[in-house]
């Protein structure tokens, strides 16, 4: 297995940990300043709108598992295909969401990979 696959698996695990902790500031650090996220199909958000949506979403205490399906890395750009499941607590059975995400990451000058495009619904399962 190539080094970039292990790097992307580690990145994905750290992202899931930040997401599951509910700590918005930690999770937000995984995104570029101008990142686009599509947390509702067909509704891309960027800037403060993205941050506000993610902050509110985390208040619902979601729990995510994510598995790297494929990754492609060239220089400072990566494309990830990710199988994910999110369960959100409710009064009854948890609400369950799942999909196959298509994500584009950029490598920062500080050596940290960050999401430039986070598209959880990017590919049919």
PDB file of N, CA and C in Angstrom:
ATOM      1  N   UNK A   1       0.849  -1.175   0.000  1.00  0.00           N
ATOM      2  CA  UNK A   1       0.000   0.000   0.000  1.00  0.00           C
ATOM      3  C   UNK A   1       0.894   1.238   0.000  1.00  0.00           C
ATOM      4  N   UNK A   2       0.593   2.188  -0.864  1.00  0.00           N
ATOM      5  CA  UNK A   2       1.467   3.349  -0.976  1.00  0.00           C
ATOM      6  C   UNK A   2       1.326   4.268   0.231  1.00  0.00           C
ATOM      7  N   UNK A   3       2.353   5.106   0.415  1.00  0.00           N
ATOM      8  CA  UNK A   3       2.369   6.037   1.540  1.00  0.00           C
ATOM      9  C   UNK A   3       1.186   6.985   1.515  1.00  0.00           C
ATOM     10  N   UNK A   4       0.782   7.433   0.310  1.00  0.00           N
ATOM     11  CA  UNK A   4      -0.317   8.392   0.265  1.00  0.00           C
ATOM     12  C   UNK A   4      -1.625   7.768   0.742  1.00  0.00           C
ATOM     13  N   UNK A   5      -1.823   6.472   0.507  1.00  0.00           N
ATOM     14  CA  UNK A   5      -3.045   5.817   0.977  1.00  0.00           C
ATOM     15  C   UNK A   5      -3.067   5.803   2.508  1.00  0.00           C
ATOM     16  N   UNK A   6      -1.950   5.462   3.115  1.00  0.00           N
ATOM     17  CA  UNK A   6      -1.878   5.468   4.580  1.00  0.00           C
ATOM     18  C   UNK A   6      -2.072   6.879   5.138  1.00  0.00           C
ATOM     19  N   UNK A   7      -1.496   7.867   4.459  1.00  0.00           N
ATOM     20  CA  UNK A   7      -1.658   9.264   4.888  1.00  0.00           C
ATOM     21  C   UNK A   7      -3.119   9.672   4.830  1.00  0.00           C
ATOM     22  N   UNK A   8      -3.811   9.305   3.756  1.00  0.00           N
ATOM     23  CA  UNK A   8      -5.213   9.678   3.601  1.00  0.00           C
ATOM     24  C   UNK A   8      -6.104   8.911   4.585  1.00  0.00           C
ATOM     25  N   UNK A   9      -5.773   7.656   4.878  1.00  0.00           N
ATOM     26  CA  UNK A   9      -6.528   6.905   5.886  1.00  0.00           C
ATOM     27  C   UNK A   9      -6.385   7.561   7.258  1.00  0.00           C
ATOM     28  N   UNK A  10      -5.173   7.987   7.571  1.00  0.00           N
ATOM     29  CA  UNK A  10      -4.931   8.664   8.846  1.00  0.00           C
ATOM     30  C   UNK A  10      -5.700   9.985   8.893  1.00  0.00           C
ATOM     31  N   UNK A  11      -5.637  10.740   7.807  1.00  0.00           N
ATOM     32  CA  UNK A  11      -6.373  12.006   7.731  1.00  0.00           C
ATOM     33  C   UNK A  11      -7.867  11.771   7.966  1.00  0.00           C
ATOM     34  N   UNK A  12      -8.418  10.775   7.294  1.00  0.00           N
ATOM     35  CA  UNK A  12      -9.846  10.470   7.411  1.00  0.00           C
ATOM     36  C   UNK A  12     -10.205  10.068   8.839  1.00  0.00           C
ATOM     37  N   UNK A  13      -9.369   9.280   9.485  1.00  0.00           N
ATOM     38  CA  UNK A  13      -9.615   8.879  10.878  1.00  0.00           C
ATOM     39  C   UNK A  13      -9.578  10.091  11.806  1.00  0.00           C
ATOM     40  N   UNK A  14      -8.638  10.998  11.579  1.00  0.00           N
ATOM     41  CA  UNK A  14      -8.552  12.202  12.407  1.00  0.00           C
ATOM     42  C   UNK A  14      -9.765  13.102  12.177  1.00  0.00           C
ATOM     43  N   UNK A  15     -10.222  13.196  10.943  1.00  0.00           N
ATOM     44  CA  UNK A  15     -11.413  13.986  10.636  1.00  0.00           C
ATOM     45  C   UNK A  15     -12.636  13.399  11.346  1.00  0.00           C
ATOM     46  N   UNK A  16     -12.796  12.074  11.257  1.00  0.00           N
ATOM     47  CA  UNK A  16     -13.927  11.425  11.922  1.00  0.00           C
ATOM     48  C   UNK A  16     -13.873  11.649  13.432  1.00  0.00           C
ATOM     49  N   UNK A  17     -12.692  11.575  14.027  1.00  0.00           N
ATOM     50  CA  UNK A  17     -12.553  11.841  15.464  1.00  0.00           C
ATOM     51  C   UNK A  17     -12.980  13.267  15.801  1.00  0.00           C
ATOM     52  N   UNK A  18     -12.551  14.228  14.986  1.00  0.00           N
ATOM     53  CA  UNK A  18     -12.934  15.628  15.222  1.00  0.00           C
ATOM     54  C   UNK A  18     -14.440  15.801  15.062  1.00  0.00           C
ATOM     55  N   UNK A  19     -14.995  15.199  14.028  1.00  0.00           N
ATOM     56  CA  UNK A  19     -16.439  15.257  13.781  1.00  0.00           C
ATOM     57  C   UNK A  19     -17.193  14.665  14.961  1.00  0.00           C
ATOM     58  N   UNK A  20     -16.786  13.467  15.391  1.00  0.00           N
ATOM     59  CA  UNK A  20     -17.490  12.767  16.470  1.00  0.00           C
ATOM     60  C   UNK A  20     -17.330  13.450  17.826  1.00  0.00           C
ATOM     61  N   UNK A  21     -16.297  14.244  17.983  1.00  0.00           N
ATOM     62  CA  UNK A  21     -16.106  14.966  19.241  1.00  0.00           C
ATOM     63  C   UNK A  21     -17.093  16.122  19.367  1.00  0.00           C
ATOM     64  N   UNK A  22     -17.648  16.553  18.213  1.00  0.00           N
ATOM     65  CA  UNK A  22     -18.568  17.687  18.231  1.00  0.00           C
ATOM     66  C   UNK A  22     -17.869  19.022  18.371  1.00  0.00           C
ATOM     67  N   UNK A  23     -16.546  19.019  18.294  1.00  0.00           N
ATOM     68  CA  UNK A  23     -15.759  20.238  18.457  1.00  0.00           C
ATOM     69  C   UNK A  23     -15.652  20.951  17.110  1.00  0.00           C
ATOM     70  N   UNK A  24     -16.477  21.977  16.926  1.00  0.00           N
ATOM     71  CA  UNK A  24     -16.523  22.671  15.651  1.00  0.00           C
ATOM     72  C   UNK A  24     -15.171  23.257  15.264  1.00  0.00           C
ATOM     73  N   UNK A  25     -14.479  23.888  16.195  1.00  0.00           N
ATOM     74  CA  UNK A  25     -13.211  24.548  15.866  1.00  0.00           C
ATOM     75  C   UNK A  25     -12.186  23.539  15.340  1.00  0.00           C
ATOM     76  N   UNK A  26     -12.115  22.378  15.975  1.00  0.00           N
ATOM     77  CA  UNK A  26     -11.185  21.339  15.524  1.00  0.00           C
ATOM     78  C   UNK A  26     -11.582  20.842  14.138  1.00  0.00           C
ATOM     79  N   UNK A  27     -12.872  20.597  13.942  1.00  0.00           N
ATOM     80  CA  UNK A  27     -13.326  20.108  12.654  1.00  0.00           C
ATOM     81  C   UNK A  27     -13.113  21.158  11.564  1.00  0.00           C
ATOM     82  N   UNK A  28     -13.380  22.406  11.875  1.00  0.00           N
ATOM     83  CA  UNK A  28     -13.236  23.469  10.885  1.00  0.00           C
ATOM     84  C   UNK A  28     -11.788  23.614  10.412  1.00  0.00           C
ATOM     85  N   UNK A  29     -10.842  23.246  11.250  1.00  0.00           N
ATOM     86  CA  UNK A  29      -9.424  23.325  10.873  1.00  0.00           C
ATOM     87  C   UNK A  29      -9.075  22.335   9.753  1.00  0.00           C
ATOM     88  N   UNK A  30      -9.969  21.403   9.455  1.00  0.00           N
ATOM     89  CA  UNK A  30      -9.762  20.443   8.368  1.00  0.00           C
ATOM     90  C   UNK A  30     -10.156  21.016   7.013  1.00  0.00           C
ATOM     91  N   UNK A  31     -10.583  22.277   6.964  1.00  0.00           N
ATOM     92  CA  UNK A  31     -11.065  22.899   5.729  1.00  0.00           C
ATOM     93  C   UNK A  31     -10.193  24.086   5.340  1.00  0.00           C
ATOM     94  N   UNK A  32     -10.038  24.294   4.030  1.00  0.00           N
ATOM     95  CA  UNK A  32      -9.387  25.506   3.555  1.00  0.00           C
ATOM     96  C   UNK A  32     -10.321  26.682   3.837  1.00  0.00           C
ATOM     97  N   UNK A  33      -9.774  27.854   3.821  1.00  0.00           N
ATOM     98  CA  UNK A  33     -10.572  29.055   4.099  1.00  0.00           C
ATOM     99  C   UNK A  33     -11.744  29.192   3.125  1.00  0.00           C
ATOM    100  N   UNK A  34     -11.521  28.851   1.856  1.00  0.00           N
ATOM    101  CA  UNK A  34     -12.554  29.021   0.830  1.00  0.00           C
ATOM    102  C   UNK A  34     -13.280  27.717   0.489  1.00  0.00           C
ATOM    103  N   UNK A  35     -13.187  26.709   1.340  1.00  0.00           N
ATOM    104  CA  UNK A  35     -13.757  25.391   1.066  1.00  0.00           C
ATOM    105  C   UNK A  35     -15.244  25.450   0.732  1.00  0.00           C
ATOM    106  N   UNK A  36     -15.639  24.516  -0.117  1.00  0.00           N
ATOM    107  CA  UNK A  36     -17.047  24.312  -0.467  1.00  0.00           C
ATOM    108  C   UNK A  36     -17.468  22.983   0.147  1.00  0.00           C
ATOM    109  N   UNK A  37     -18.604  22.980   0.852  1.00  0.00           N
ATOM    110  CA  UNK A  37     -19.143  21.745   1.420  1.00  0.00           C
ATOM    111  C   UNK A  37     -20.597  21.612   0.984  1.00  0.00           C
ATOM    112  N   UNK A  38     -20.987  20.379   0.694  1.00  0.00           N
ATOM    113  CA  UNK A  38     -22.347  20.099   0.239  1.00  0.00           C
ATOM    114  C   UNK A  38     -22.973  19.147   1.257  1.00  0.00           C
ATOM    115  N   UNK A  39     -23.381  19.700   2.390  1.00  0.00           N
ATOM    116  CA  UNK A  39     -23.909  18.860   3.466  1.00  0.00           C
ATOM    117  C   UNK A  39     -25.375  18.521   3.279  1.00  0.00           C
ATOM    118  N   UNK A  40     -26.007  19.168   2.327  1.00  0.00           N
ATOM    119  CA  UNK A  40     -27.350  18.804   1.877  1.00  0.00           C
ATOM    120  C   UNK A  40     -27.251  18.691   0.361  1.00  0.00           C
ATOM    121  N   UNK A  41     -27.711  17.562  -0.218  1.00  0.00           N
ATOM    122  CA  UNK A  41     -27.551  17.366  -1.664  1.00  0.00           C
ATOM    123  C   UNK A  41     -28.028  18.580  -2.469  1.00  0.00           C
ATOM    124  N   UNK A  42     -27.163  19.013  -3.392  1.00  0.00           N
ATOM    125  CA  UNK A  42     -27.510  20.111  -4.277  1.00  0.00           C
ATOM    126  C   UNK A  42     -27.418  21.493  -3.666  1.00  0.00           C
ATOM    127  N   UNK A  43     -26.894  21.610  -2.425  1.00  0.00           N
ATOM    128  CA  UNK A  43     -26.814  22.911  -1.762  1.00  0.00           C
ATOM    129  C   UNK A  43     -25.385  23.195  -1.286  1.00  0.00           C
ATOM    130  N   UNK A  44     -24.498  23.572  -2.220  1.00  0.00           N
ATOM    131  CA  UNK A  44     -23.116  23.870  -1.830  1.00  0.00           C
ATOM    132  C   UNK A  44     -23.045  25.129  -0.972  1.00  0.00           C
ATOM    133  N   UNK A  45     -22.215  25.069   0.060  1.00  0.00           N
ATOM    134  CA  UNK A  45     -22.021  26.205   0.957  1.00  0.00           C
ATOM    135  C   UNK A  45     -20.540  26.512   1.072  1.00  0.00           C
ATOM    136  N   UNK A  46     -20.218  27.777   1.229  1.00  0.00           N
ATOM    137  CA  UNK A  46     -18.842  28.202   1.419  1.00  0.00           C
ATOM    138  C   UNK A  46     -18.814  29.340   2.432  1.00  0.00           C
ATOM    139  N   UNK A  47     -17.619  29.678   2.893  1.00  0.00           N
ATOM    140  CA  UNK A  47     -17.462  30.801   3.815  1.00  0.00           C
ATOM    141  C   UNK A  47     -18.249  30.628   5.110  1.00  0.00           C
ATOM    142  N   UNK A  48     -18.826  31.725   5.581  1.00  0.00           N
ATOM    143  CA  UNK A  48     -19.549  31.703   6.855  1.00  0.00           C
ATOM    144  C   UNK A  48     -20.787  30.816   6.796  1.00  0.00           C
ATOM    145  N   UNK A  49     -21.438  30.725   5.643  1.00  0.00           N
ATOM    146  CA  UNK A  49     -22.617  29.858   5.514  1.00  0.00           C
ATOM    147  C   UNK A  49     -22.233  28.399   5.771  1.00  0.00           C
ATOM    148  N   UNK A  50     -21.079  27.974   5.238  1.00  0.00           N
ATOM    149  CA  UNK A  50     -20.606  26.604   5.493  1.00  0.00           C
ATOM    150  C   UNK A  50     -20.339  26.406   6.974  1.00  0.00           C
ATOM    151  N   UNK A  51     -19.638  27.345   7.564  1.00  0.00           N
ATOM    152  CA  UNK A  51     -19.301  27.237   8.990  1.00  0.00           C
ATOM    153  C   UNK A  51     -20.564  27.194   9.858  1.00  0.00           C
ATOM    154  N   UNK A  52     -21.511  28.071   9.575  1.00  0.00           N
ATOM    155  CA  UNK A  52     -22.747  28.110  10.371  1.00  0.00           C
ATOM    156  C   UNK A  52     -23.501  26.798  10.276  1.00  0.00           C
ATOM    157  N   UNK A  53     -23.615  26.248   9.043  1.00  0.00           N
ATOM    158  CA  UNK A  53     -24.327  24.986   8.870  1.00  0.00           C
ATOM    159  C   UNK A  53     -23.624  23.874   9.635  1.00  0.00           C
ATOM    160  N   UNK A  54     -22.300  23.777   9.513  1.00  0.00           N
ATOM    161  CA  UNK A  54     -21.564  22.710  10.189  1.00  0.00           C
ATOM    162  C   UNK A  54     -21.660  22.836  11.705  1.00  0.00           C
ATOM    163  N   UNK A  55     -21.573  24.062  12.200  1.00  0.00           N
ATOM    164  CA  UNK A  55     -21.681  24.273  13.651  1.00  0.00           C
ATOM    165  C   UNK A  55     -23.048  23.781  14.157  1.00  0.00           C
ATOM    166  N   UNK A  56     -24.115  24.144  13.455  1.00  0.00           N
ATOM    167  CA  UNK A  56     -25.470  23.713  13.838  1.00  0.00           C
ATOM    168  C   UNK A  56     -25.627  22.195  13.716  1.00  0.00           C
ATOM    169  N   UNK A  57     -25.083  21.618  12.662  1.00  0.00           N
ATOM    170  CA  UNK A  57     -25.173  20.180  12.438  1.00  0.00           C
ATOM    171  C   UNK A  57     -24.520  19.416  13.586  1.00  0.00           C
ATOM    172  N   UNK A  58     -23.367  19.878  14.034  1.00  0.00           N
ATOM    173  CA  UNK A  58     -22.653  19.197  15.119  1.00  0.00           C
ATOM    174  C   UNK A  58     -23.416  19.256  16.440  1.00  0.00           C
ATOM    175  N   UNK A  59     -24.290  20.236  16.607  1.00  0.00           N
ATOM    176  CA  UNK A  59     -25.098  20.318  17.831  1.00  0.00           C
ATOM    177  C   UNK A  59     -26.066  19.145  17.945  1.00  0.00           C
ATOM    178  N   UNK A  60     -26.336  18.468  16.844  1.00  0.00           N
ATOM    179  CA  UNK A  60     -27.231  17.300  16.844  1.00  0.00           C
ATOM    180  C   UNK A  60     -26.519  16.034  17.332  1.00  0.00           C
ATOM    181  N   UNK A  61     -25.223  16.141  17.628  1.00  0.00           N
ATOM    182  CA  UNK A  61     -24.386  15.049  18.146  1.00  0.00           C
ATOM    183  C   UNK A  61     -24.305  13.842  17.193  1.00  0.00           C
ATOM    184  N   UNK A  62     -24.014  14.101  15.916  1.00  0.00           N
ATOM    185  CA  UNK A  62     -23.888  12.990  14.971  1.00  0.00           C
ATOM    186  C   UNK A  62     -22.629  12.173  15.247  1.00  0.00           C
ATOM    187  N   UNK A  63     -22.666  10.911  14.848  1.00  0.00           N
ATOM    188  CA  UNK A  63     -21.509  10.016  14.945  1.00  0.00           C
ATOM    189  C   UNK A  63     -21.265   9.440  13.560  1.00  0.00           C
ATOM    190  N   UNK A  64     -20.022   9.557  13.106  1.00  0.00           N
ATOM    191  CA  UNK A  64     -19.682   9.138  11.753  1.00  0.00           C
ATOM    192  C   UNK A  64     -18.645   8.026  11.759  1.00  0.00           C
ATOM    193  N   UNK A  65     -18.829   7.099  10.841  1.00  0.00           N
ATOM    194  CA  UNK A  65     -17.769   6.163  10.482  1.00  0.00           C
ATOM    195  C   UNK A  65     -17.479   6.418   9.003  1.00  0.00           C
ATOM    196  N   UNK A  66     -16.219   6.329   8.632  1.00  0.00           N
ATOM    197  CA  UNK A  66     -15.829   6.597   7.253  1.00  0.00           C
ATOM    198  C   UNK A  66     -14.718   5.641   6.854  1.00  0.00           C
ATOM    199  N   UNK A  67     -14.825   5.142   5.637  1.00  0.00           N
ATOM    200  CA  UNK A  67     -13.843   4.204   5.103  1.00  0.00           C
ATOM    201  C   UNK A  67     -13.356   4.714   3.755  1.00  0.00           C
ATOM    202  N   UNK A  68     -12.062   4.802   3.621  1.00  0.00           N
ATOM    203  CA  UNK A  68     -11.473   5.243   2.360  1.00  0.00           C
ATOM    204  C   UNK A  68     -11.638   4.142   1.319  1.00  0.00           C
ATOM    205  N   UNK A  69     -12.302   4.472   0.235  1.00  0.00           N
ATOM    206  CA  UNK A  69     -12.481   3.527  -0.868  1.00  0.00           C
ATOM    207  C   UNK A  69     -11.323   3.659  -1.857  1.00  0.00           C
ATOM    208  N   UNK A  70     -11.020   4.899  -2.245  1.00  0.00           N
ATOM    209  CA  UNK A  70      -9.925   5.168  -3.173  1.00  0.00           C
ATOM    210  C   UNK A  70      -9.323   6.524  -2.852  1.00  0.00           C
ATOM    211  N   UNK A  71      -8.058   6.692  -3.211  1.00  0.00           N
ATOM    212  CA  UNK A  71      -7.430   8.012  -3.104  1.00  0.00           C
ATOM    213  C   UNK A  71      -6.435   8.170  -4.237  1.00  0.00           C
ATOM    214  N   UNK A  72      -6.366   9.405  -4.725  1.00  0.00           N
ATOM    215  CA  UNK A  72      -5.457   9.758  -5.797  1.00  0.00           C
ATOM    216  C   UNK A  72      -4.767  11.045  -5.378  1.00  0.00           C
ATOM    217  N   UNK A  73      -3.444  11.033  -5.368  1.00  0.00           N
ATOM    218  CA  UNK A  73      -2.688  12.195  -4.900  1.00  0.00           C
ATOM    219  C   UNK A  73      -1.681  12.596  -5.958  1.00  0.00           C
ATOM    220  N   UNK A  74      -1.624  13.891  -6.231  1.00  0.00           N
ATOM    221  CA  UNK A  74      -0.608  14.457  -7.107  1.00  0.00           C
ATOM    222  C   UNK A  74      -0.167  15.786  -6.516  1.00  0.00           C
ATOM    223  N   UNK A  75       1.103  15.891  -6.230  1.00  0.00           N
ATOM    224  CA  UNK A  75       1.671  17.101  -5.629  1.00  0.00           C
ATOM    225  C   UNK A  75       0.867  17.544  -4.414  1.00  0.00           C
ATOM    226  N   UNK A  76       0.157  18.671  -4.547  1.00  0.00           N
ATOM    227  CA  UNK A  76      -0.548  19.251  -3.396  1.00  0.00           C
ATOM    228  C   UNK A  76      -2.062  19.077  -3.467  1.00  0.00           C
ATOM    229  N   UNK A  77      -2.534  18.121  -4.294  1.00  0.00           N
ATOM    230  CA  UNK A  77      -3.964  17.906  -4.474  1.00  0.00           C
ATOM    231  C   UNK A  77      -4.280  16.424  -4.322  1.00  0.00           C
ATOM    232  N   UNK A  78      -5.389  16.145  -3.630  1.00  0.00           N
ATOM    233  CA  UNK A  78      -5.818  14.759  -3.453  1.00  0.00           C
ATOM    234  C   UNK A  78      -7.308  14.647  -3.742  1.00  0.00           C
ATOM    235  N   UNK A  79      -7.698  13.516  -4.315  1.00  0.00           N
ATOM    236  CA  UNK A  79      -9.094  13.174  -4.521  1.00  0.00           C
ATOM    237  C   UNK A  79      -9.373  11.926  -3.703  1.00  0.00           C
ATOM    238  N   UNK A  80     -10.383  12.006  -2.833  1.00  0.00           N
ATOM    239  CA  UNK A  80     -10.760  10.860  -2.001  1.00  0.00           C
ATOM    240  C   UNK A  80     -12.170  10.407  -2.358  1.00  0.00           C
ATOM    241  N   UNK A  81     -12.361   9.112  -2.411  1.00  0.00           N
ATOM    242  CA  UNK A  81     -13.685   8.513  -2.530  1.00  0.00           C
ATOM    243  C   UNK A  81     -13.894   7.785  -1.201  1.00  0.00           C
ATOM    244  N   UNK A  82     -14.953   8.154  -0.471  1.00  0.00           N
ATOM    245  CA  UNK A  82     -15.130   7.717   0.907  1.00  0.00           C
ATOM    246  C   UNK A  82     -16.536   7.164   1.128  1.00  0.00           C
ATOM    247  N   UNK A  83     -16.614   5.953   1.667  1.00  0.00           N
ATOM    248  CA  UNK A  83     -17.890   5.401   2.132  1.00  0.00           C
ATOM    249  C   UNK A  83     -18.105   5.889   3.555  1.00  0.00           C
ATOM    250  N   UNK A  84     -19.268   6.453   3.847  1.00  0.00           N
ATOM    251  CA  UNK A  84     -19.518   6.992   5.184  1.00  0.00           C
ATOM    252  C   UNK A  84     -20.934   6.667   5.645  1.00  0.00           C
ATOM    253  N   UNK A  85     -21.070   6.616   6.970  1.00  0.00           N
ATOM    254  CA  UNK A  85     -22.365   6.460   7.629  1.00  0.00           C
ATOM    255  C   UNK A  85     -22.387   7.431   8.795  1.00  0.00           C
ATOM    256  N   UNK A  86     -23.493   8.154   8.931  1.00  0.00           N
ATOM    257  CA  UNK A  86     -23.689   9.052  10.068  1.00  0.00           C
ATOM    258  C   UNK A  86     -24.982   8.653  10.759  1.00  0.00           C
ATOM    259  N   UNK A  87     -24.909   8.514  12.069  1.00  0.00           N
ATOM    260  CA  UNK A  87     -26.107   8.275  12.883  1.00  0.00           C
ATOM    261  C   UNK A  87     -26.284   9.467  13.807  1.00  0.00           C
ATOM    262  N   UNK A  88     -27.523   9.962  13.840  1.00  0.00           N
ATOM    263  CA  UNK A  88     -27.862  11.117  14.669  1.00  0.00           C
ATOM    264  C   UNK A  88     -28.892  10.674  15.692  1.00  0.00           C
ATOM    265  N   UNK A  89     -28.606  10.883  16.981  1.00  0.00           N
ATOM    266  CA  UNK A  89     -29.551  10.457  18.005  1.00  0.00           C
ATOM    267  C   UNK A  89     -30.901  11.174  17.867  1.00  0.00           C
ATOM    268  N   UNK A  90     -31.969  10.435  18.121  1.00  0.00           N
ATOM    269  CA  UNK A  90     -33.319  10.998  18.176  1.00  0.00           C
ATOM    270  C   UNK A  90     -34.006  10.384  19.384  1.00  0.00           C
ATOM    271  N   UNK A  91     -35.256  10.743  19.605  1.00  0.00           N
ATOM    272  CA  UNK A  91     -36.005  10.148  20.719  1.00  0.00           C
ATOM    273  C   UNK A  91     -36.250   8.662  20.506  1.00  0.00           C
ATOM    274  N   UNK A  92     -36.290   8.226  19.249  1.00  0.00           N
ATOM    275  CA  UNK A  92     -36.471   6.818  18.921  1.00  0.00           C
ATOM    276  C   UNK A  92     -35.187   6.243  18.372  1.00  0.00           C
ATOM    277  N   UNK A  93     -35.324   5.517  17.277  1.00  0.00           N
ATOM    278  CA  UNK A  93     -34.144   4.967  16.602  1.00  0.00           C
ATOM    279  C   UNK A  93     -33.333   6.111  16.004  1.00  0.00           C
ATOM    280  N   UNK A  94     -32.013   5.973  15.986  1.00  0.00           N
ATOM    281  CA  UNK A  94     -31.185   7.041  15.420  1.00  0.00           C
ATOM    282  C   UNK A  94     -31.519   7.285  13.944  1.00  0.00           C
ATOM    283  N   UNK A  95     -31.438   8.542  13.531  1.00  0.00           N
ATOM    284  CA  UNK A  95     -31.552   8.888  12.123  1.00  0.00           C
ATOM    285  C   UNK A  95     -30.247   8.455  11.472  1.00  0.00           C
ATOM    286  N   UNK A  96     -30.346   7.791  10.328  1.00  0.00           N
ATOM    287  CA  UNK A  96     -29.148   7.259   9.674  1.00  0.00           C
ATOM    288  C   UNK A  96     -29.026   7.860   8.277  1.00  0.00           C
ATOM    289  N   UNK A  97     -27.831   8.371   7.988  1.00  0.00           N
ATOM    290  CA  UNK A  97     -27.506   8.887   6.668  1.00  0.00           C
ATOM    291  C   UNK A  97     -26.280   8.127   6.187  1.00  0.00           C
ATOM    292  N   UNK A  98     -26.193   7.916   4.880  1.00  0.00           N
ATOM    293  CA  UNK A  98     -24.998   7.269   4.347  1.00  0.00           C
ATOM    294  C   UNK A  98     -24.796   7.682   2.905  1.00  0.00           C
ATOM    295  N   UNK A  99     -23.579   7.515   2.444  1.00  0.00           N
ATOM    296  CA  UNK A  99     -23.287   7.876   1.074  1.00  0.00           C
ATOM    297  C   UNK A  99     -21.864   7.545   0.698  1.00  0.00           C
ATOM    298  N   UNK A 100     -21.515   7.943  -0.500  1.00  0.00           N
ATOM    299  CA  UNK A 100     -20.164   7.800  -1.016  1.00  0.00           C
ATOM    300  C   UNK A 100     -19.701   9.212  -1.363  1.00  0.00           C
ATOM    301  N   UNK A 101     -18.792   9.721  -0.573  1.00  0.00           N
ATOM    302  CA  UNK A 101     -18.311  11.077  -0.761  1.00  0.00           C
ATOM    303  C   UNK A 101     -17.199  11.162  -1.778  1.00  0.00           C
ATOM    304  N   UNK A 102     -17.149  12.310  -2.436  1.00  0.00           N
ATOM    305  CA  UNK A 102     -16.070  12.645  -3.355  1.00  0.00           C
ATOM    306  C   UNK A 102     -15.482  13.951  -2.839  1.00  0.00           C
ATOM    307  N   UNK A 103     -14.253  13.888  -2.355  1.00  0.00           N
ATOM    308  CA  UNK A 103     -13.629  15.032  -1.695  1.00  0.00           C
ATOM    309  C   UNK A 103     -12.319  15.413  -2.374  1.00  0.00           C
ATOM    310  N   UNK A 104     -12.081  16.717  -2.441  1.00  0.00           N
ATOM    311  CA  UNK A 104     -10.819  17.241  -2.968  1.00  0.00           C
ATOM    312  C   UNK A 104     -10.102  17.930  -1.812  1.00  0.00           C
ATOM    313  N   UNK A 105      -8.854  17.545  -1.585  1.00  0.00           N
ATOM    314  CA  UNK A 105      -8.052  18.136  -0.516  1.00  0.00           C
ATOM    315  C   UNK A 105      -6.847  18.843  -1.109  1.00  0.00           C
ATOM    316  N   UNK A 106      -6.385  19.855  -0.384  1.00  0.00           N
ATOM    317  CA  UNK A 106      -5.160  20.559  -0.756  1.00  0.00           C
ATOM    318  C   UNK A 106      -4.174  20.455   0.389  1.00  0.00           C
ATOM    319  N   UNK A 107      -2.917  20.313   0.033  1.00  0.00           N
ATOM    320  CA  UNK A 107      -1.853  20.271   1.023  1.00  0.00           C
ATOM    321  C   UNK A 107      -1.395  21.694   1.303  1.00  0.00           C
ATOM    322  N   UNK A 108      -1.520  22.113   2.564  1.00  0.00           N
ATOM    323  CA  UNK A 108      -1.115  23.465   2.938  1.00  0.00           C
ATOM    324  C   UNK A 108       0.389  23.590   3.073  1.00  0.00           C
ATOM    325  N   UNK A 109       0.856  24.832   3.118  1.00  0.00           N
ATOM    326  CA  UNK A 109       2.281  25.104   3.314  1.00  0.00           C
ATOM    327  C   UNK A 109       2.786  24.528   4.628  1.00  0.00           C
ATOM    328  N   UNK A 110       1.859  24.295   5.567  1.00  0.00           N
ATOM    329  CA  UNK A 110       2.211  23.737   6.871  1.00  0.00           C
ATOM    330  C   UNK A 110       2.248  22.210   6.872  1.00  0.00           C
ATOM    331  N   UNK A 111       2.024  21.581   5.699  1.00  0.00           N
ATOM    332  CA  UNK A 111       2.067  20.131   5.604  1.00  0.00           C
ATOM    333  C   UNK A 111       0.776  19.440   5.999  1.00  0.00           C
ATOM    334  N   UNK A 112      -0.309  20.196   6.173  1.00  0.00           N
ATOM    335  CA  UNK A 112      -1.602  19.637   6.587  1.00  0.00           C
ATOM    336  C   UNK A 112      -2.545  19.582   5.383  1.00  0.00           C
ATOM    337  N   UNK A 113      -3.188  18.419   5.191  1.00  0.00           N
ATOM    338  CA  UNK A 113      -4.195  18.265   4.150  1.00  0.00           C
ATOM    339  C   UNK A 113      -5.507  18.856   4.647  1.00  0.00           C
ATOM    340  N   UNK A 114      -6.160  19.662   3.792  1.00  0.00           N
ATOM    341  CA  UNK A 114      -7.442  20.270   4.146  1.00  0.00           C
ATOM    342  C   UNK A 114      -8.423  20.115   2.982  1.00  0.00           C
ATOM    343  N   UNK A 115      -9.708  19.986   3.344  1.00  0.00           N
ATOM    344  CA  UNK A 115     -10.754  19.877   2.338  1.00  0.00           C
ATOM    345  C   UNK A 115     -10.930  21.198   1.602  1.00  0.00           C
ATOM    346  N   UNK A 116     -10.859  21.148   0.267  1.00  0.00           N
ATOM    347  CA  UNK A 116     -11.227  22.284  -0.573  1.00  0.00           C
ATOM    348  C   UNK A 116     -12.660  22.084  -1.055  1.00  0.00           C
ATOM    349  N   UNK A 117     -13.025  20.815  -1.309  1.00  0.00           N
ATOM    350  CA  UNK A 117     -14.389  20.444  -1.690  1.00  0.00           C
ATOM    351  C   UNK A 117     -14.760  19.211  -0.875  1.00  0.00           C
ATOM    352  N   UNK A 118     -15.859  19.319  -0.122  1.00  0.00           N
ATOM    353  CA  UNK A 118     -16.385  18.218   0.693  1.00  0.00           C
ATOM    354  C   UNK A 118     -17.769  17.905   0.150  1.00  0.00           C
ATOM    355  N   UNK A 119     -17.879  16.835  -0.632  1.00  0.00           N
ATOM    356  CA  UNK A 119     -19.137  16.476  -1.289  1.00  0.00           C
ATOM    357  C   UNK A 119     -19.545  15.070  -0.855  1.00  0.00           C
ATOM    358  N   UNK A 120     -20.209  14.960   0.328  1.00  0.00           N
ATOM    359  CA  UNK A 120     -20.571  13.650   0.852  1.00  0.00           C
ATOM    360  C   UNK A 120     -21.516  12.849  -0.045  1.00  0.00           C
ATOM    361  N   UNK A 121     -22.259  13.529  -0.896  1.00  0.00           N
ATOM    362  CA  UNK A 121     -23.244  12.851  -1.739  1.00  0.00           C
ATOM    363  C   UNK A 121     -22.767  12.802  -3.183  1.00  0.00           C
ATOM    364  N   UNK A 122     -21.457  12.808  -3.370  1.00  0.00           N
ATOM    365  CA  UNK A 122     -20.872  12.964  -4.697  1.00  0.00           C
ATOM    366  C   UNK A 122     -20.979  11.807  -5.626  1.00  0.00           C
ATOM    367  N   UNK A 123     -21.284  10.619  -5.113  1.00  0.00           N
ATOM    368  CA  UNK A 123     -21.288   9.455  -5.987  1.00  0.00           C
ATOM    369  C   UNK A 123     -22.396   8.517  -5.540  1.00  0.00           C
ATOM    370  N   UNK A 124     -23.049   7.898  -6.501  1.00  0.00           N
ATOM    371  CA  UNK A 124     -24.059   6.875  -6.187  1.00  0.00           C
ATOM    372  C   UNK A 124     -23.369   5.715  -5.481  1.00  0.00           C
ATOM    373  N   UNK A 125     -24.039   5.121  -4.513  1.00  0.00           N
ATOM    374  CA  UNK A 125     -23.459   4.007  -3.744  1.00  0.00           C
ATOM    375  C   UNK A 125     -23.201   2.801  -4.599  1.00  0.00           C
TER     376      UNK A 125
END
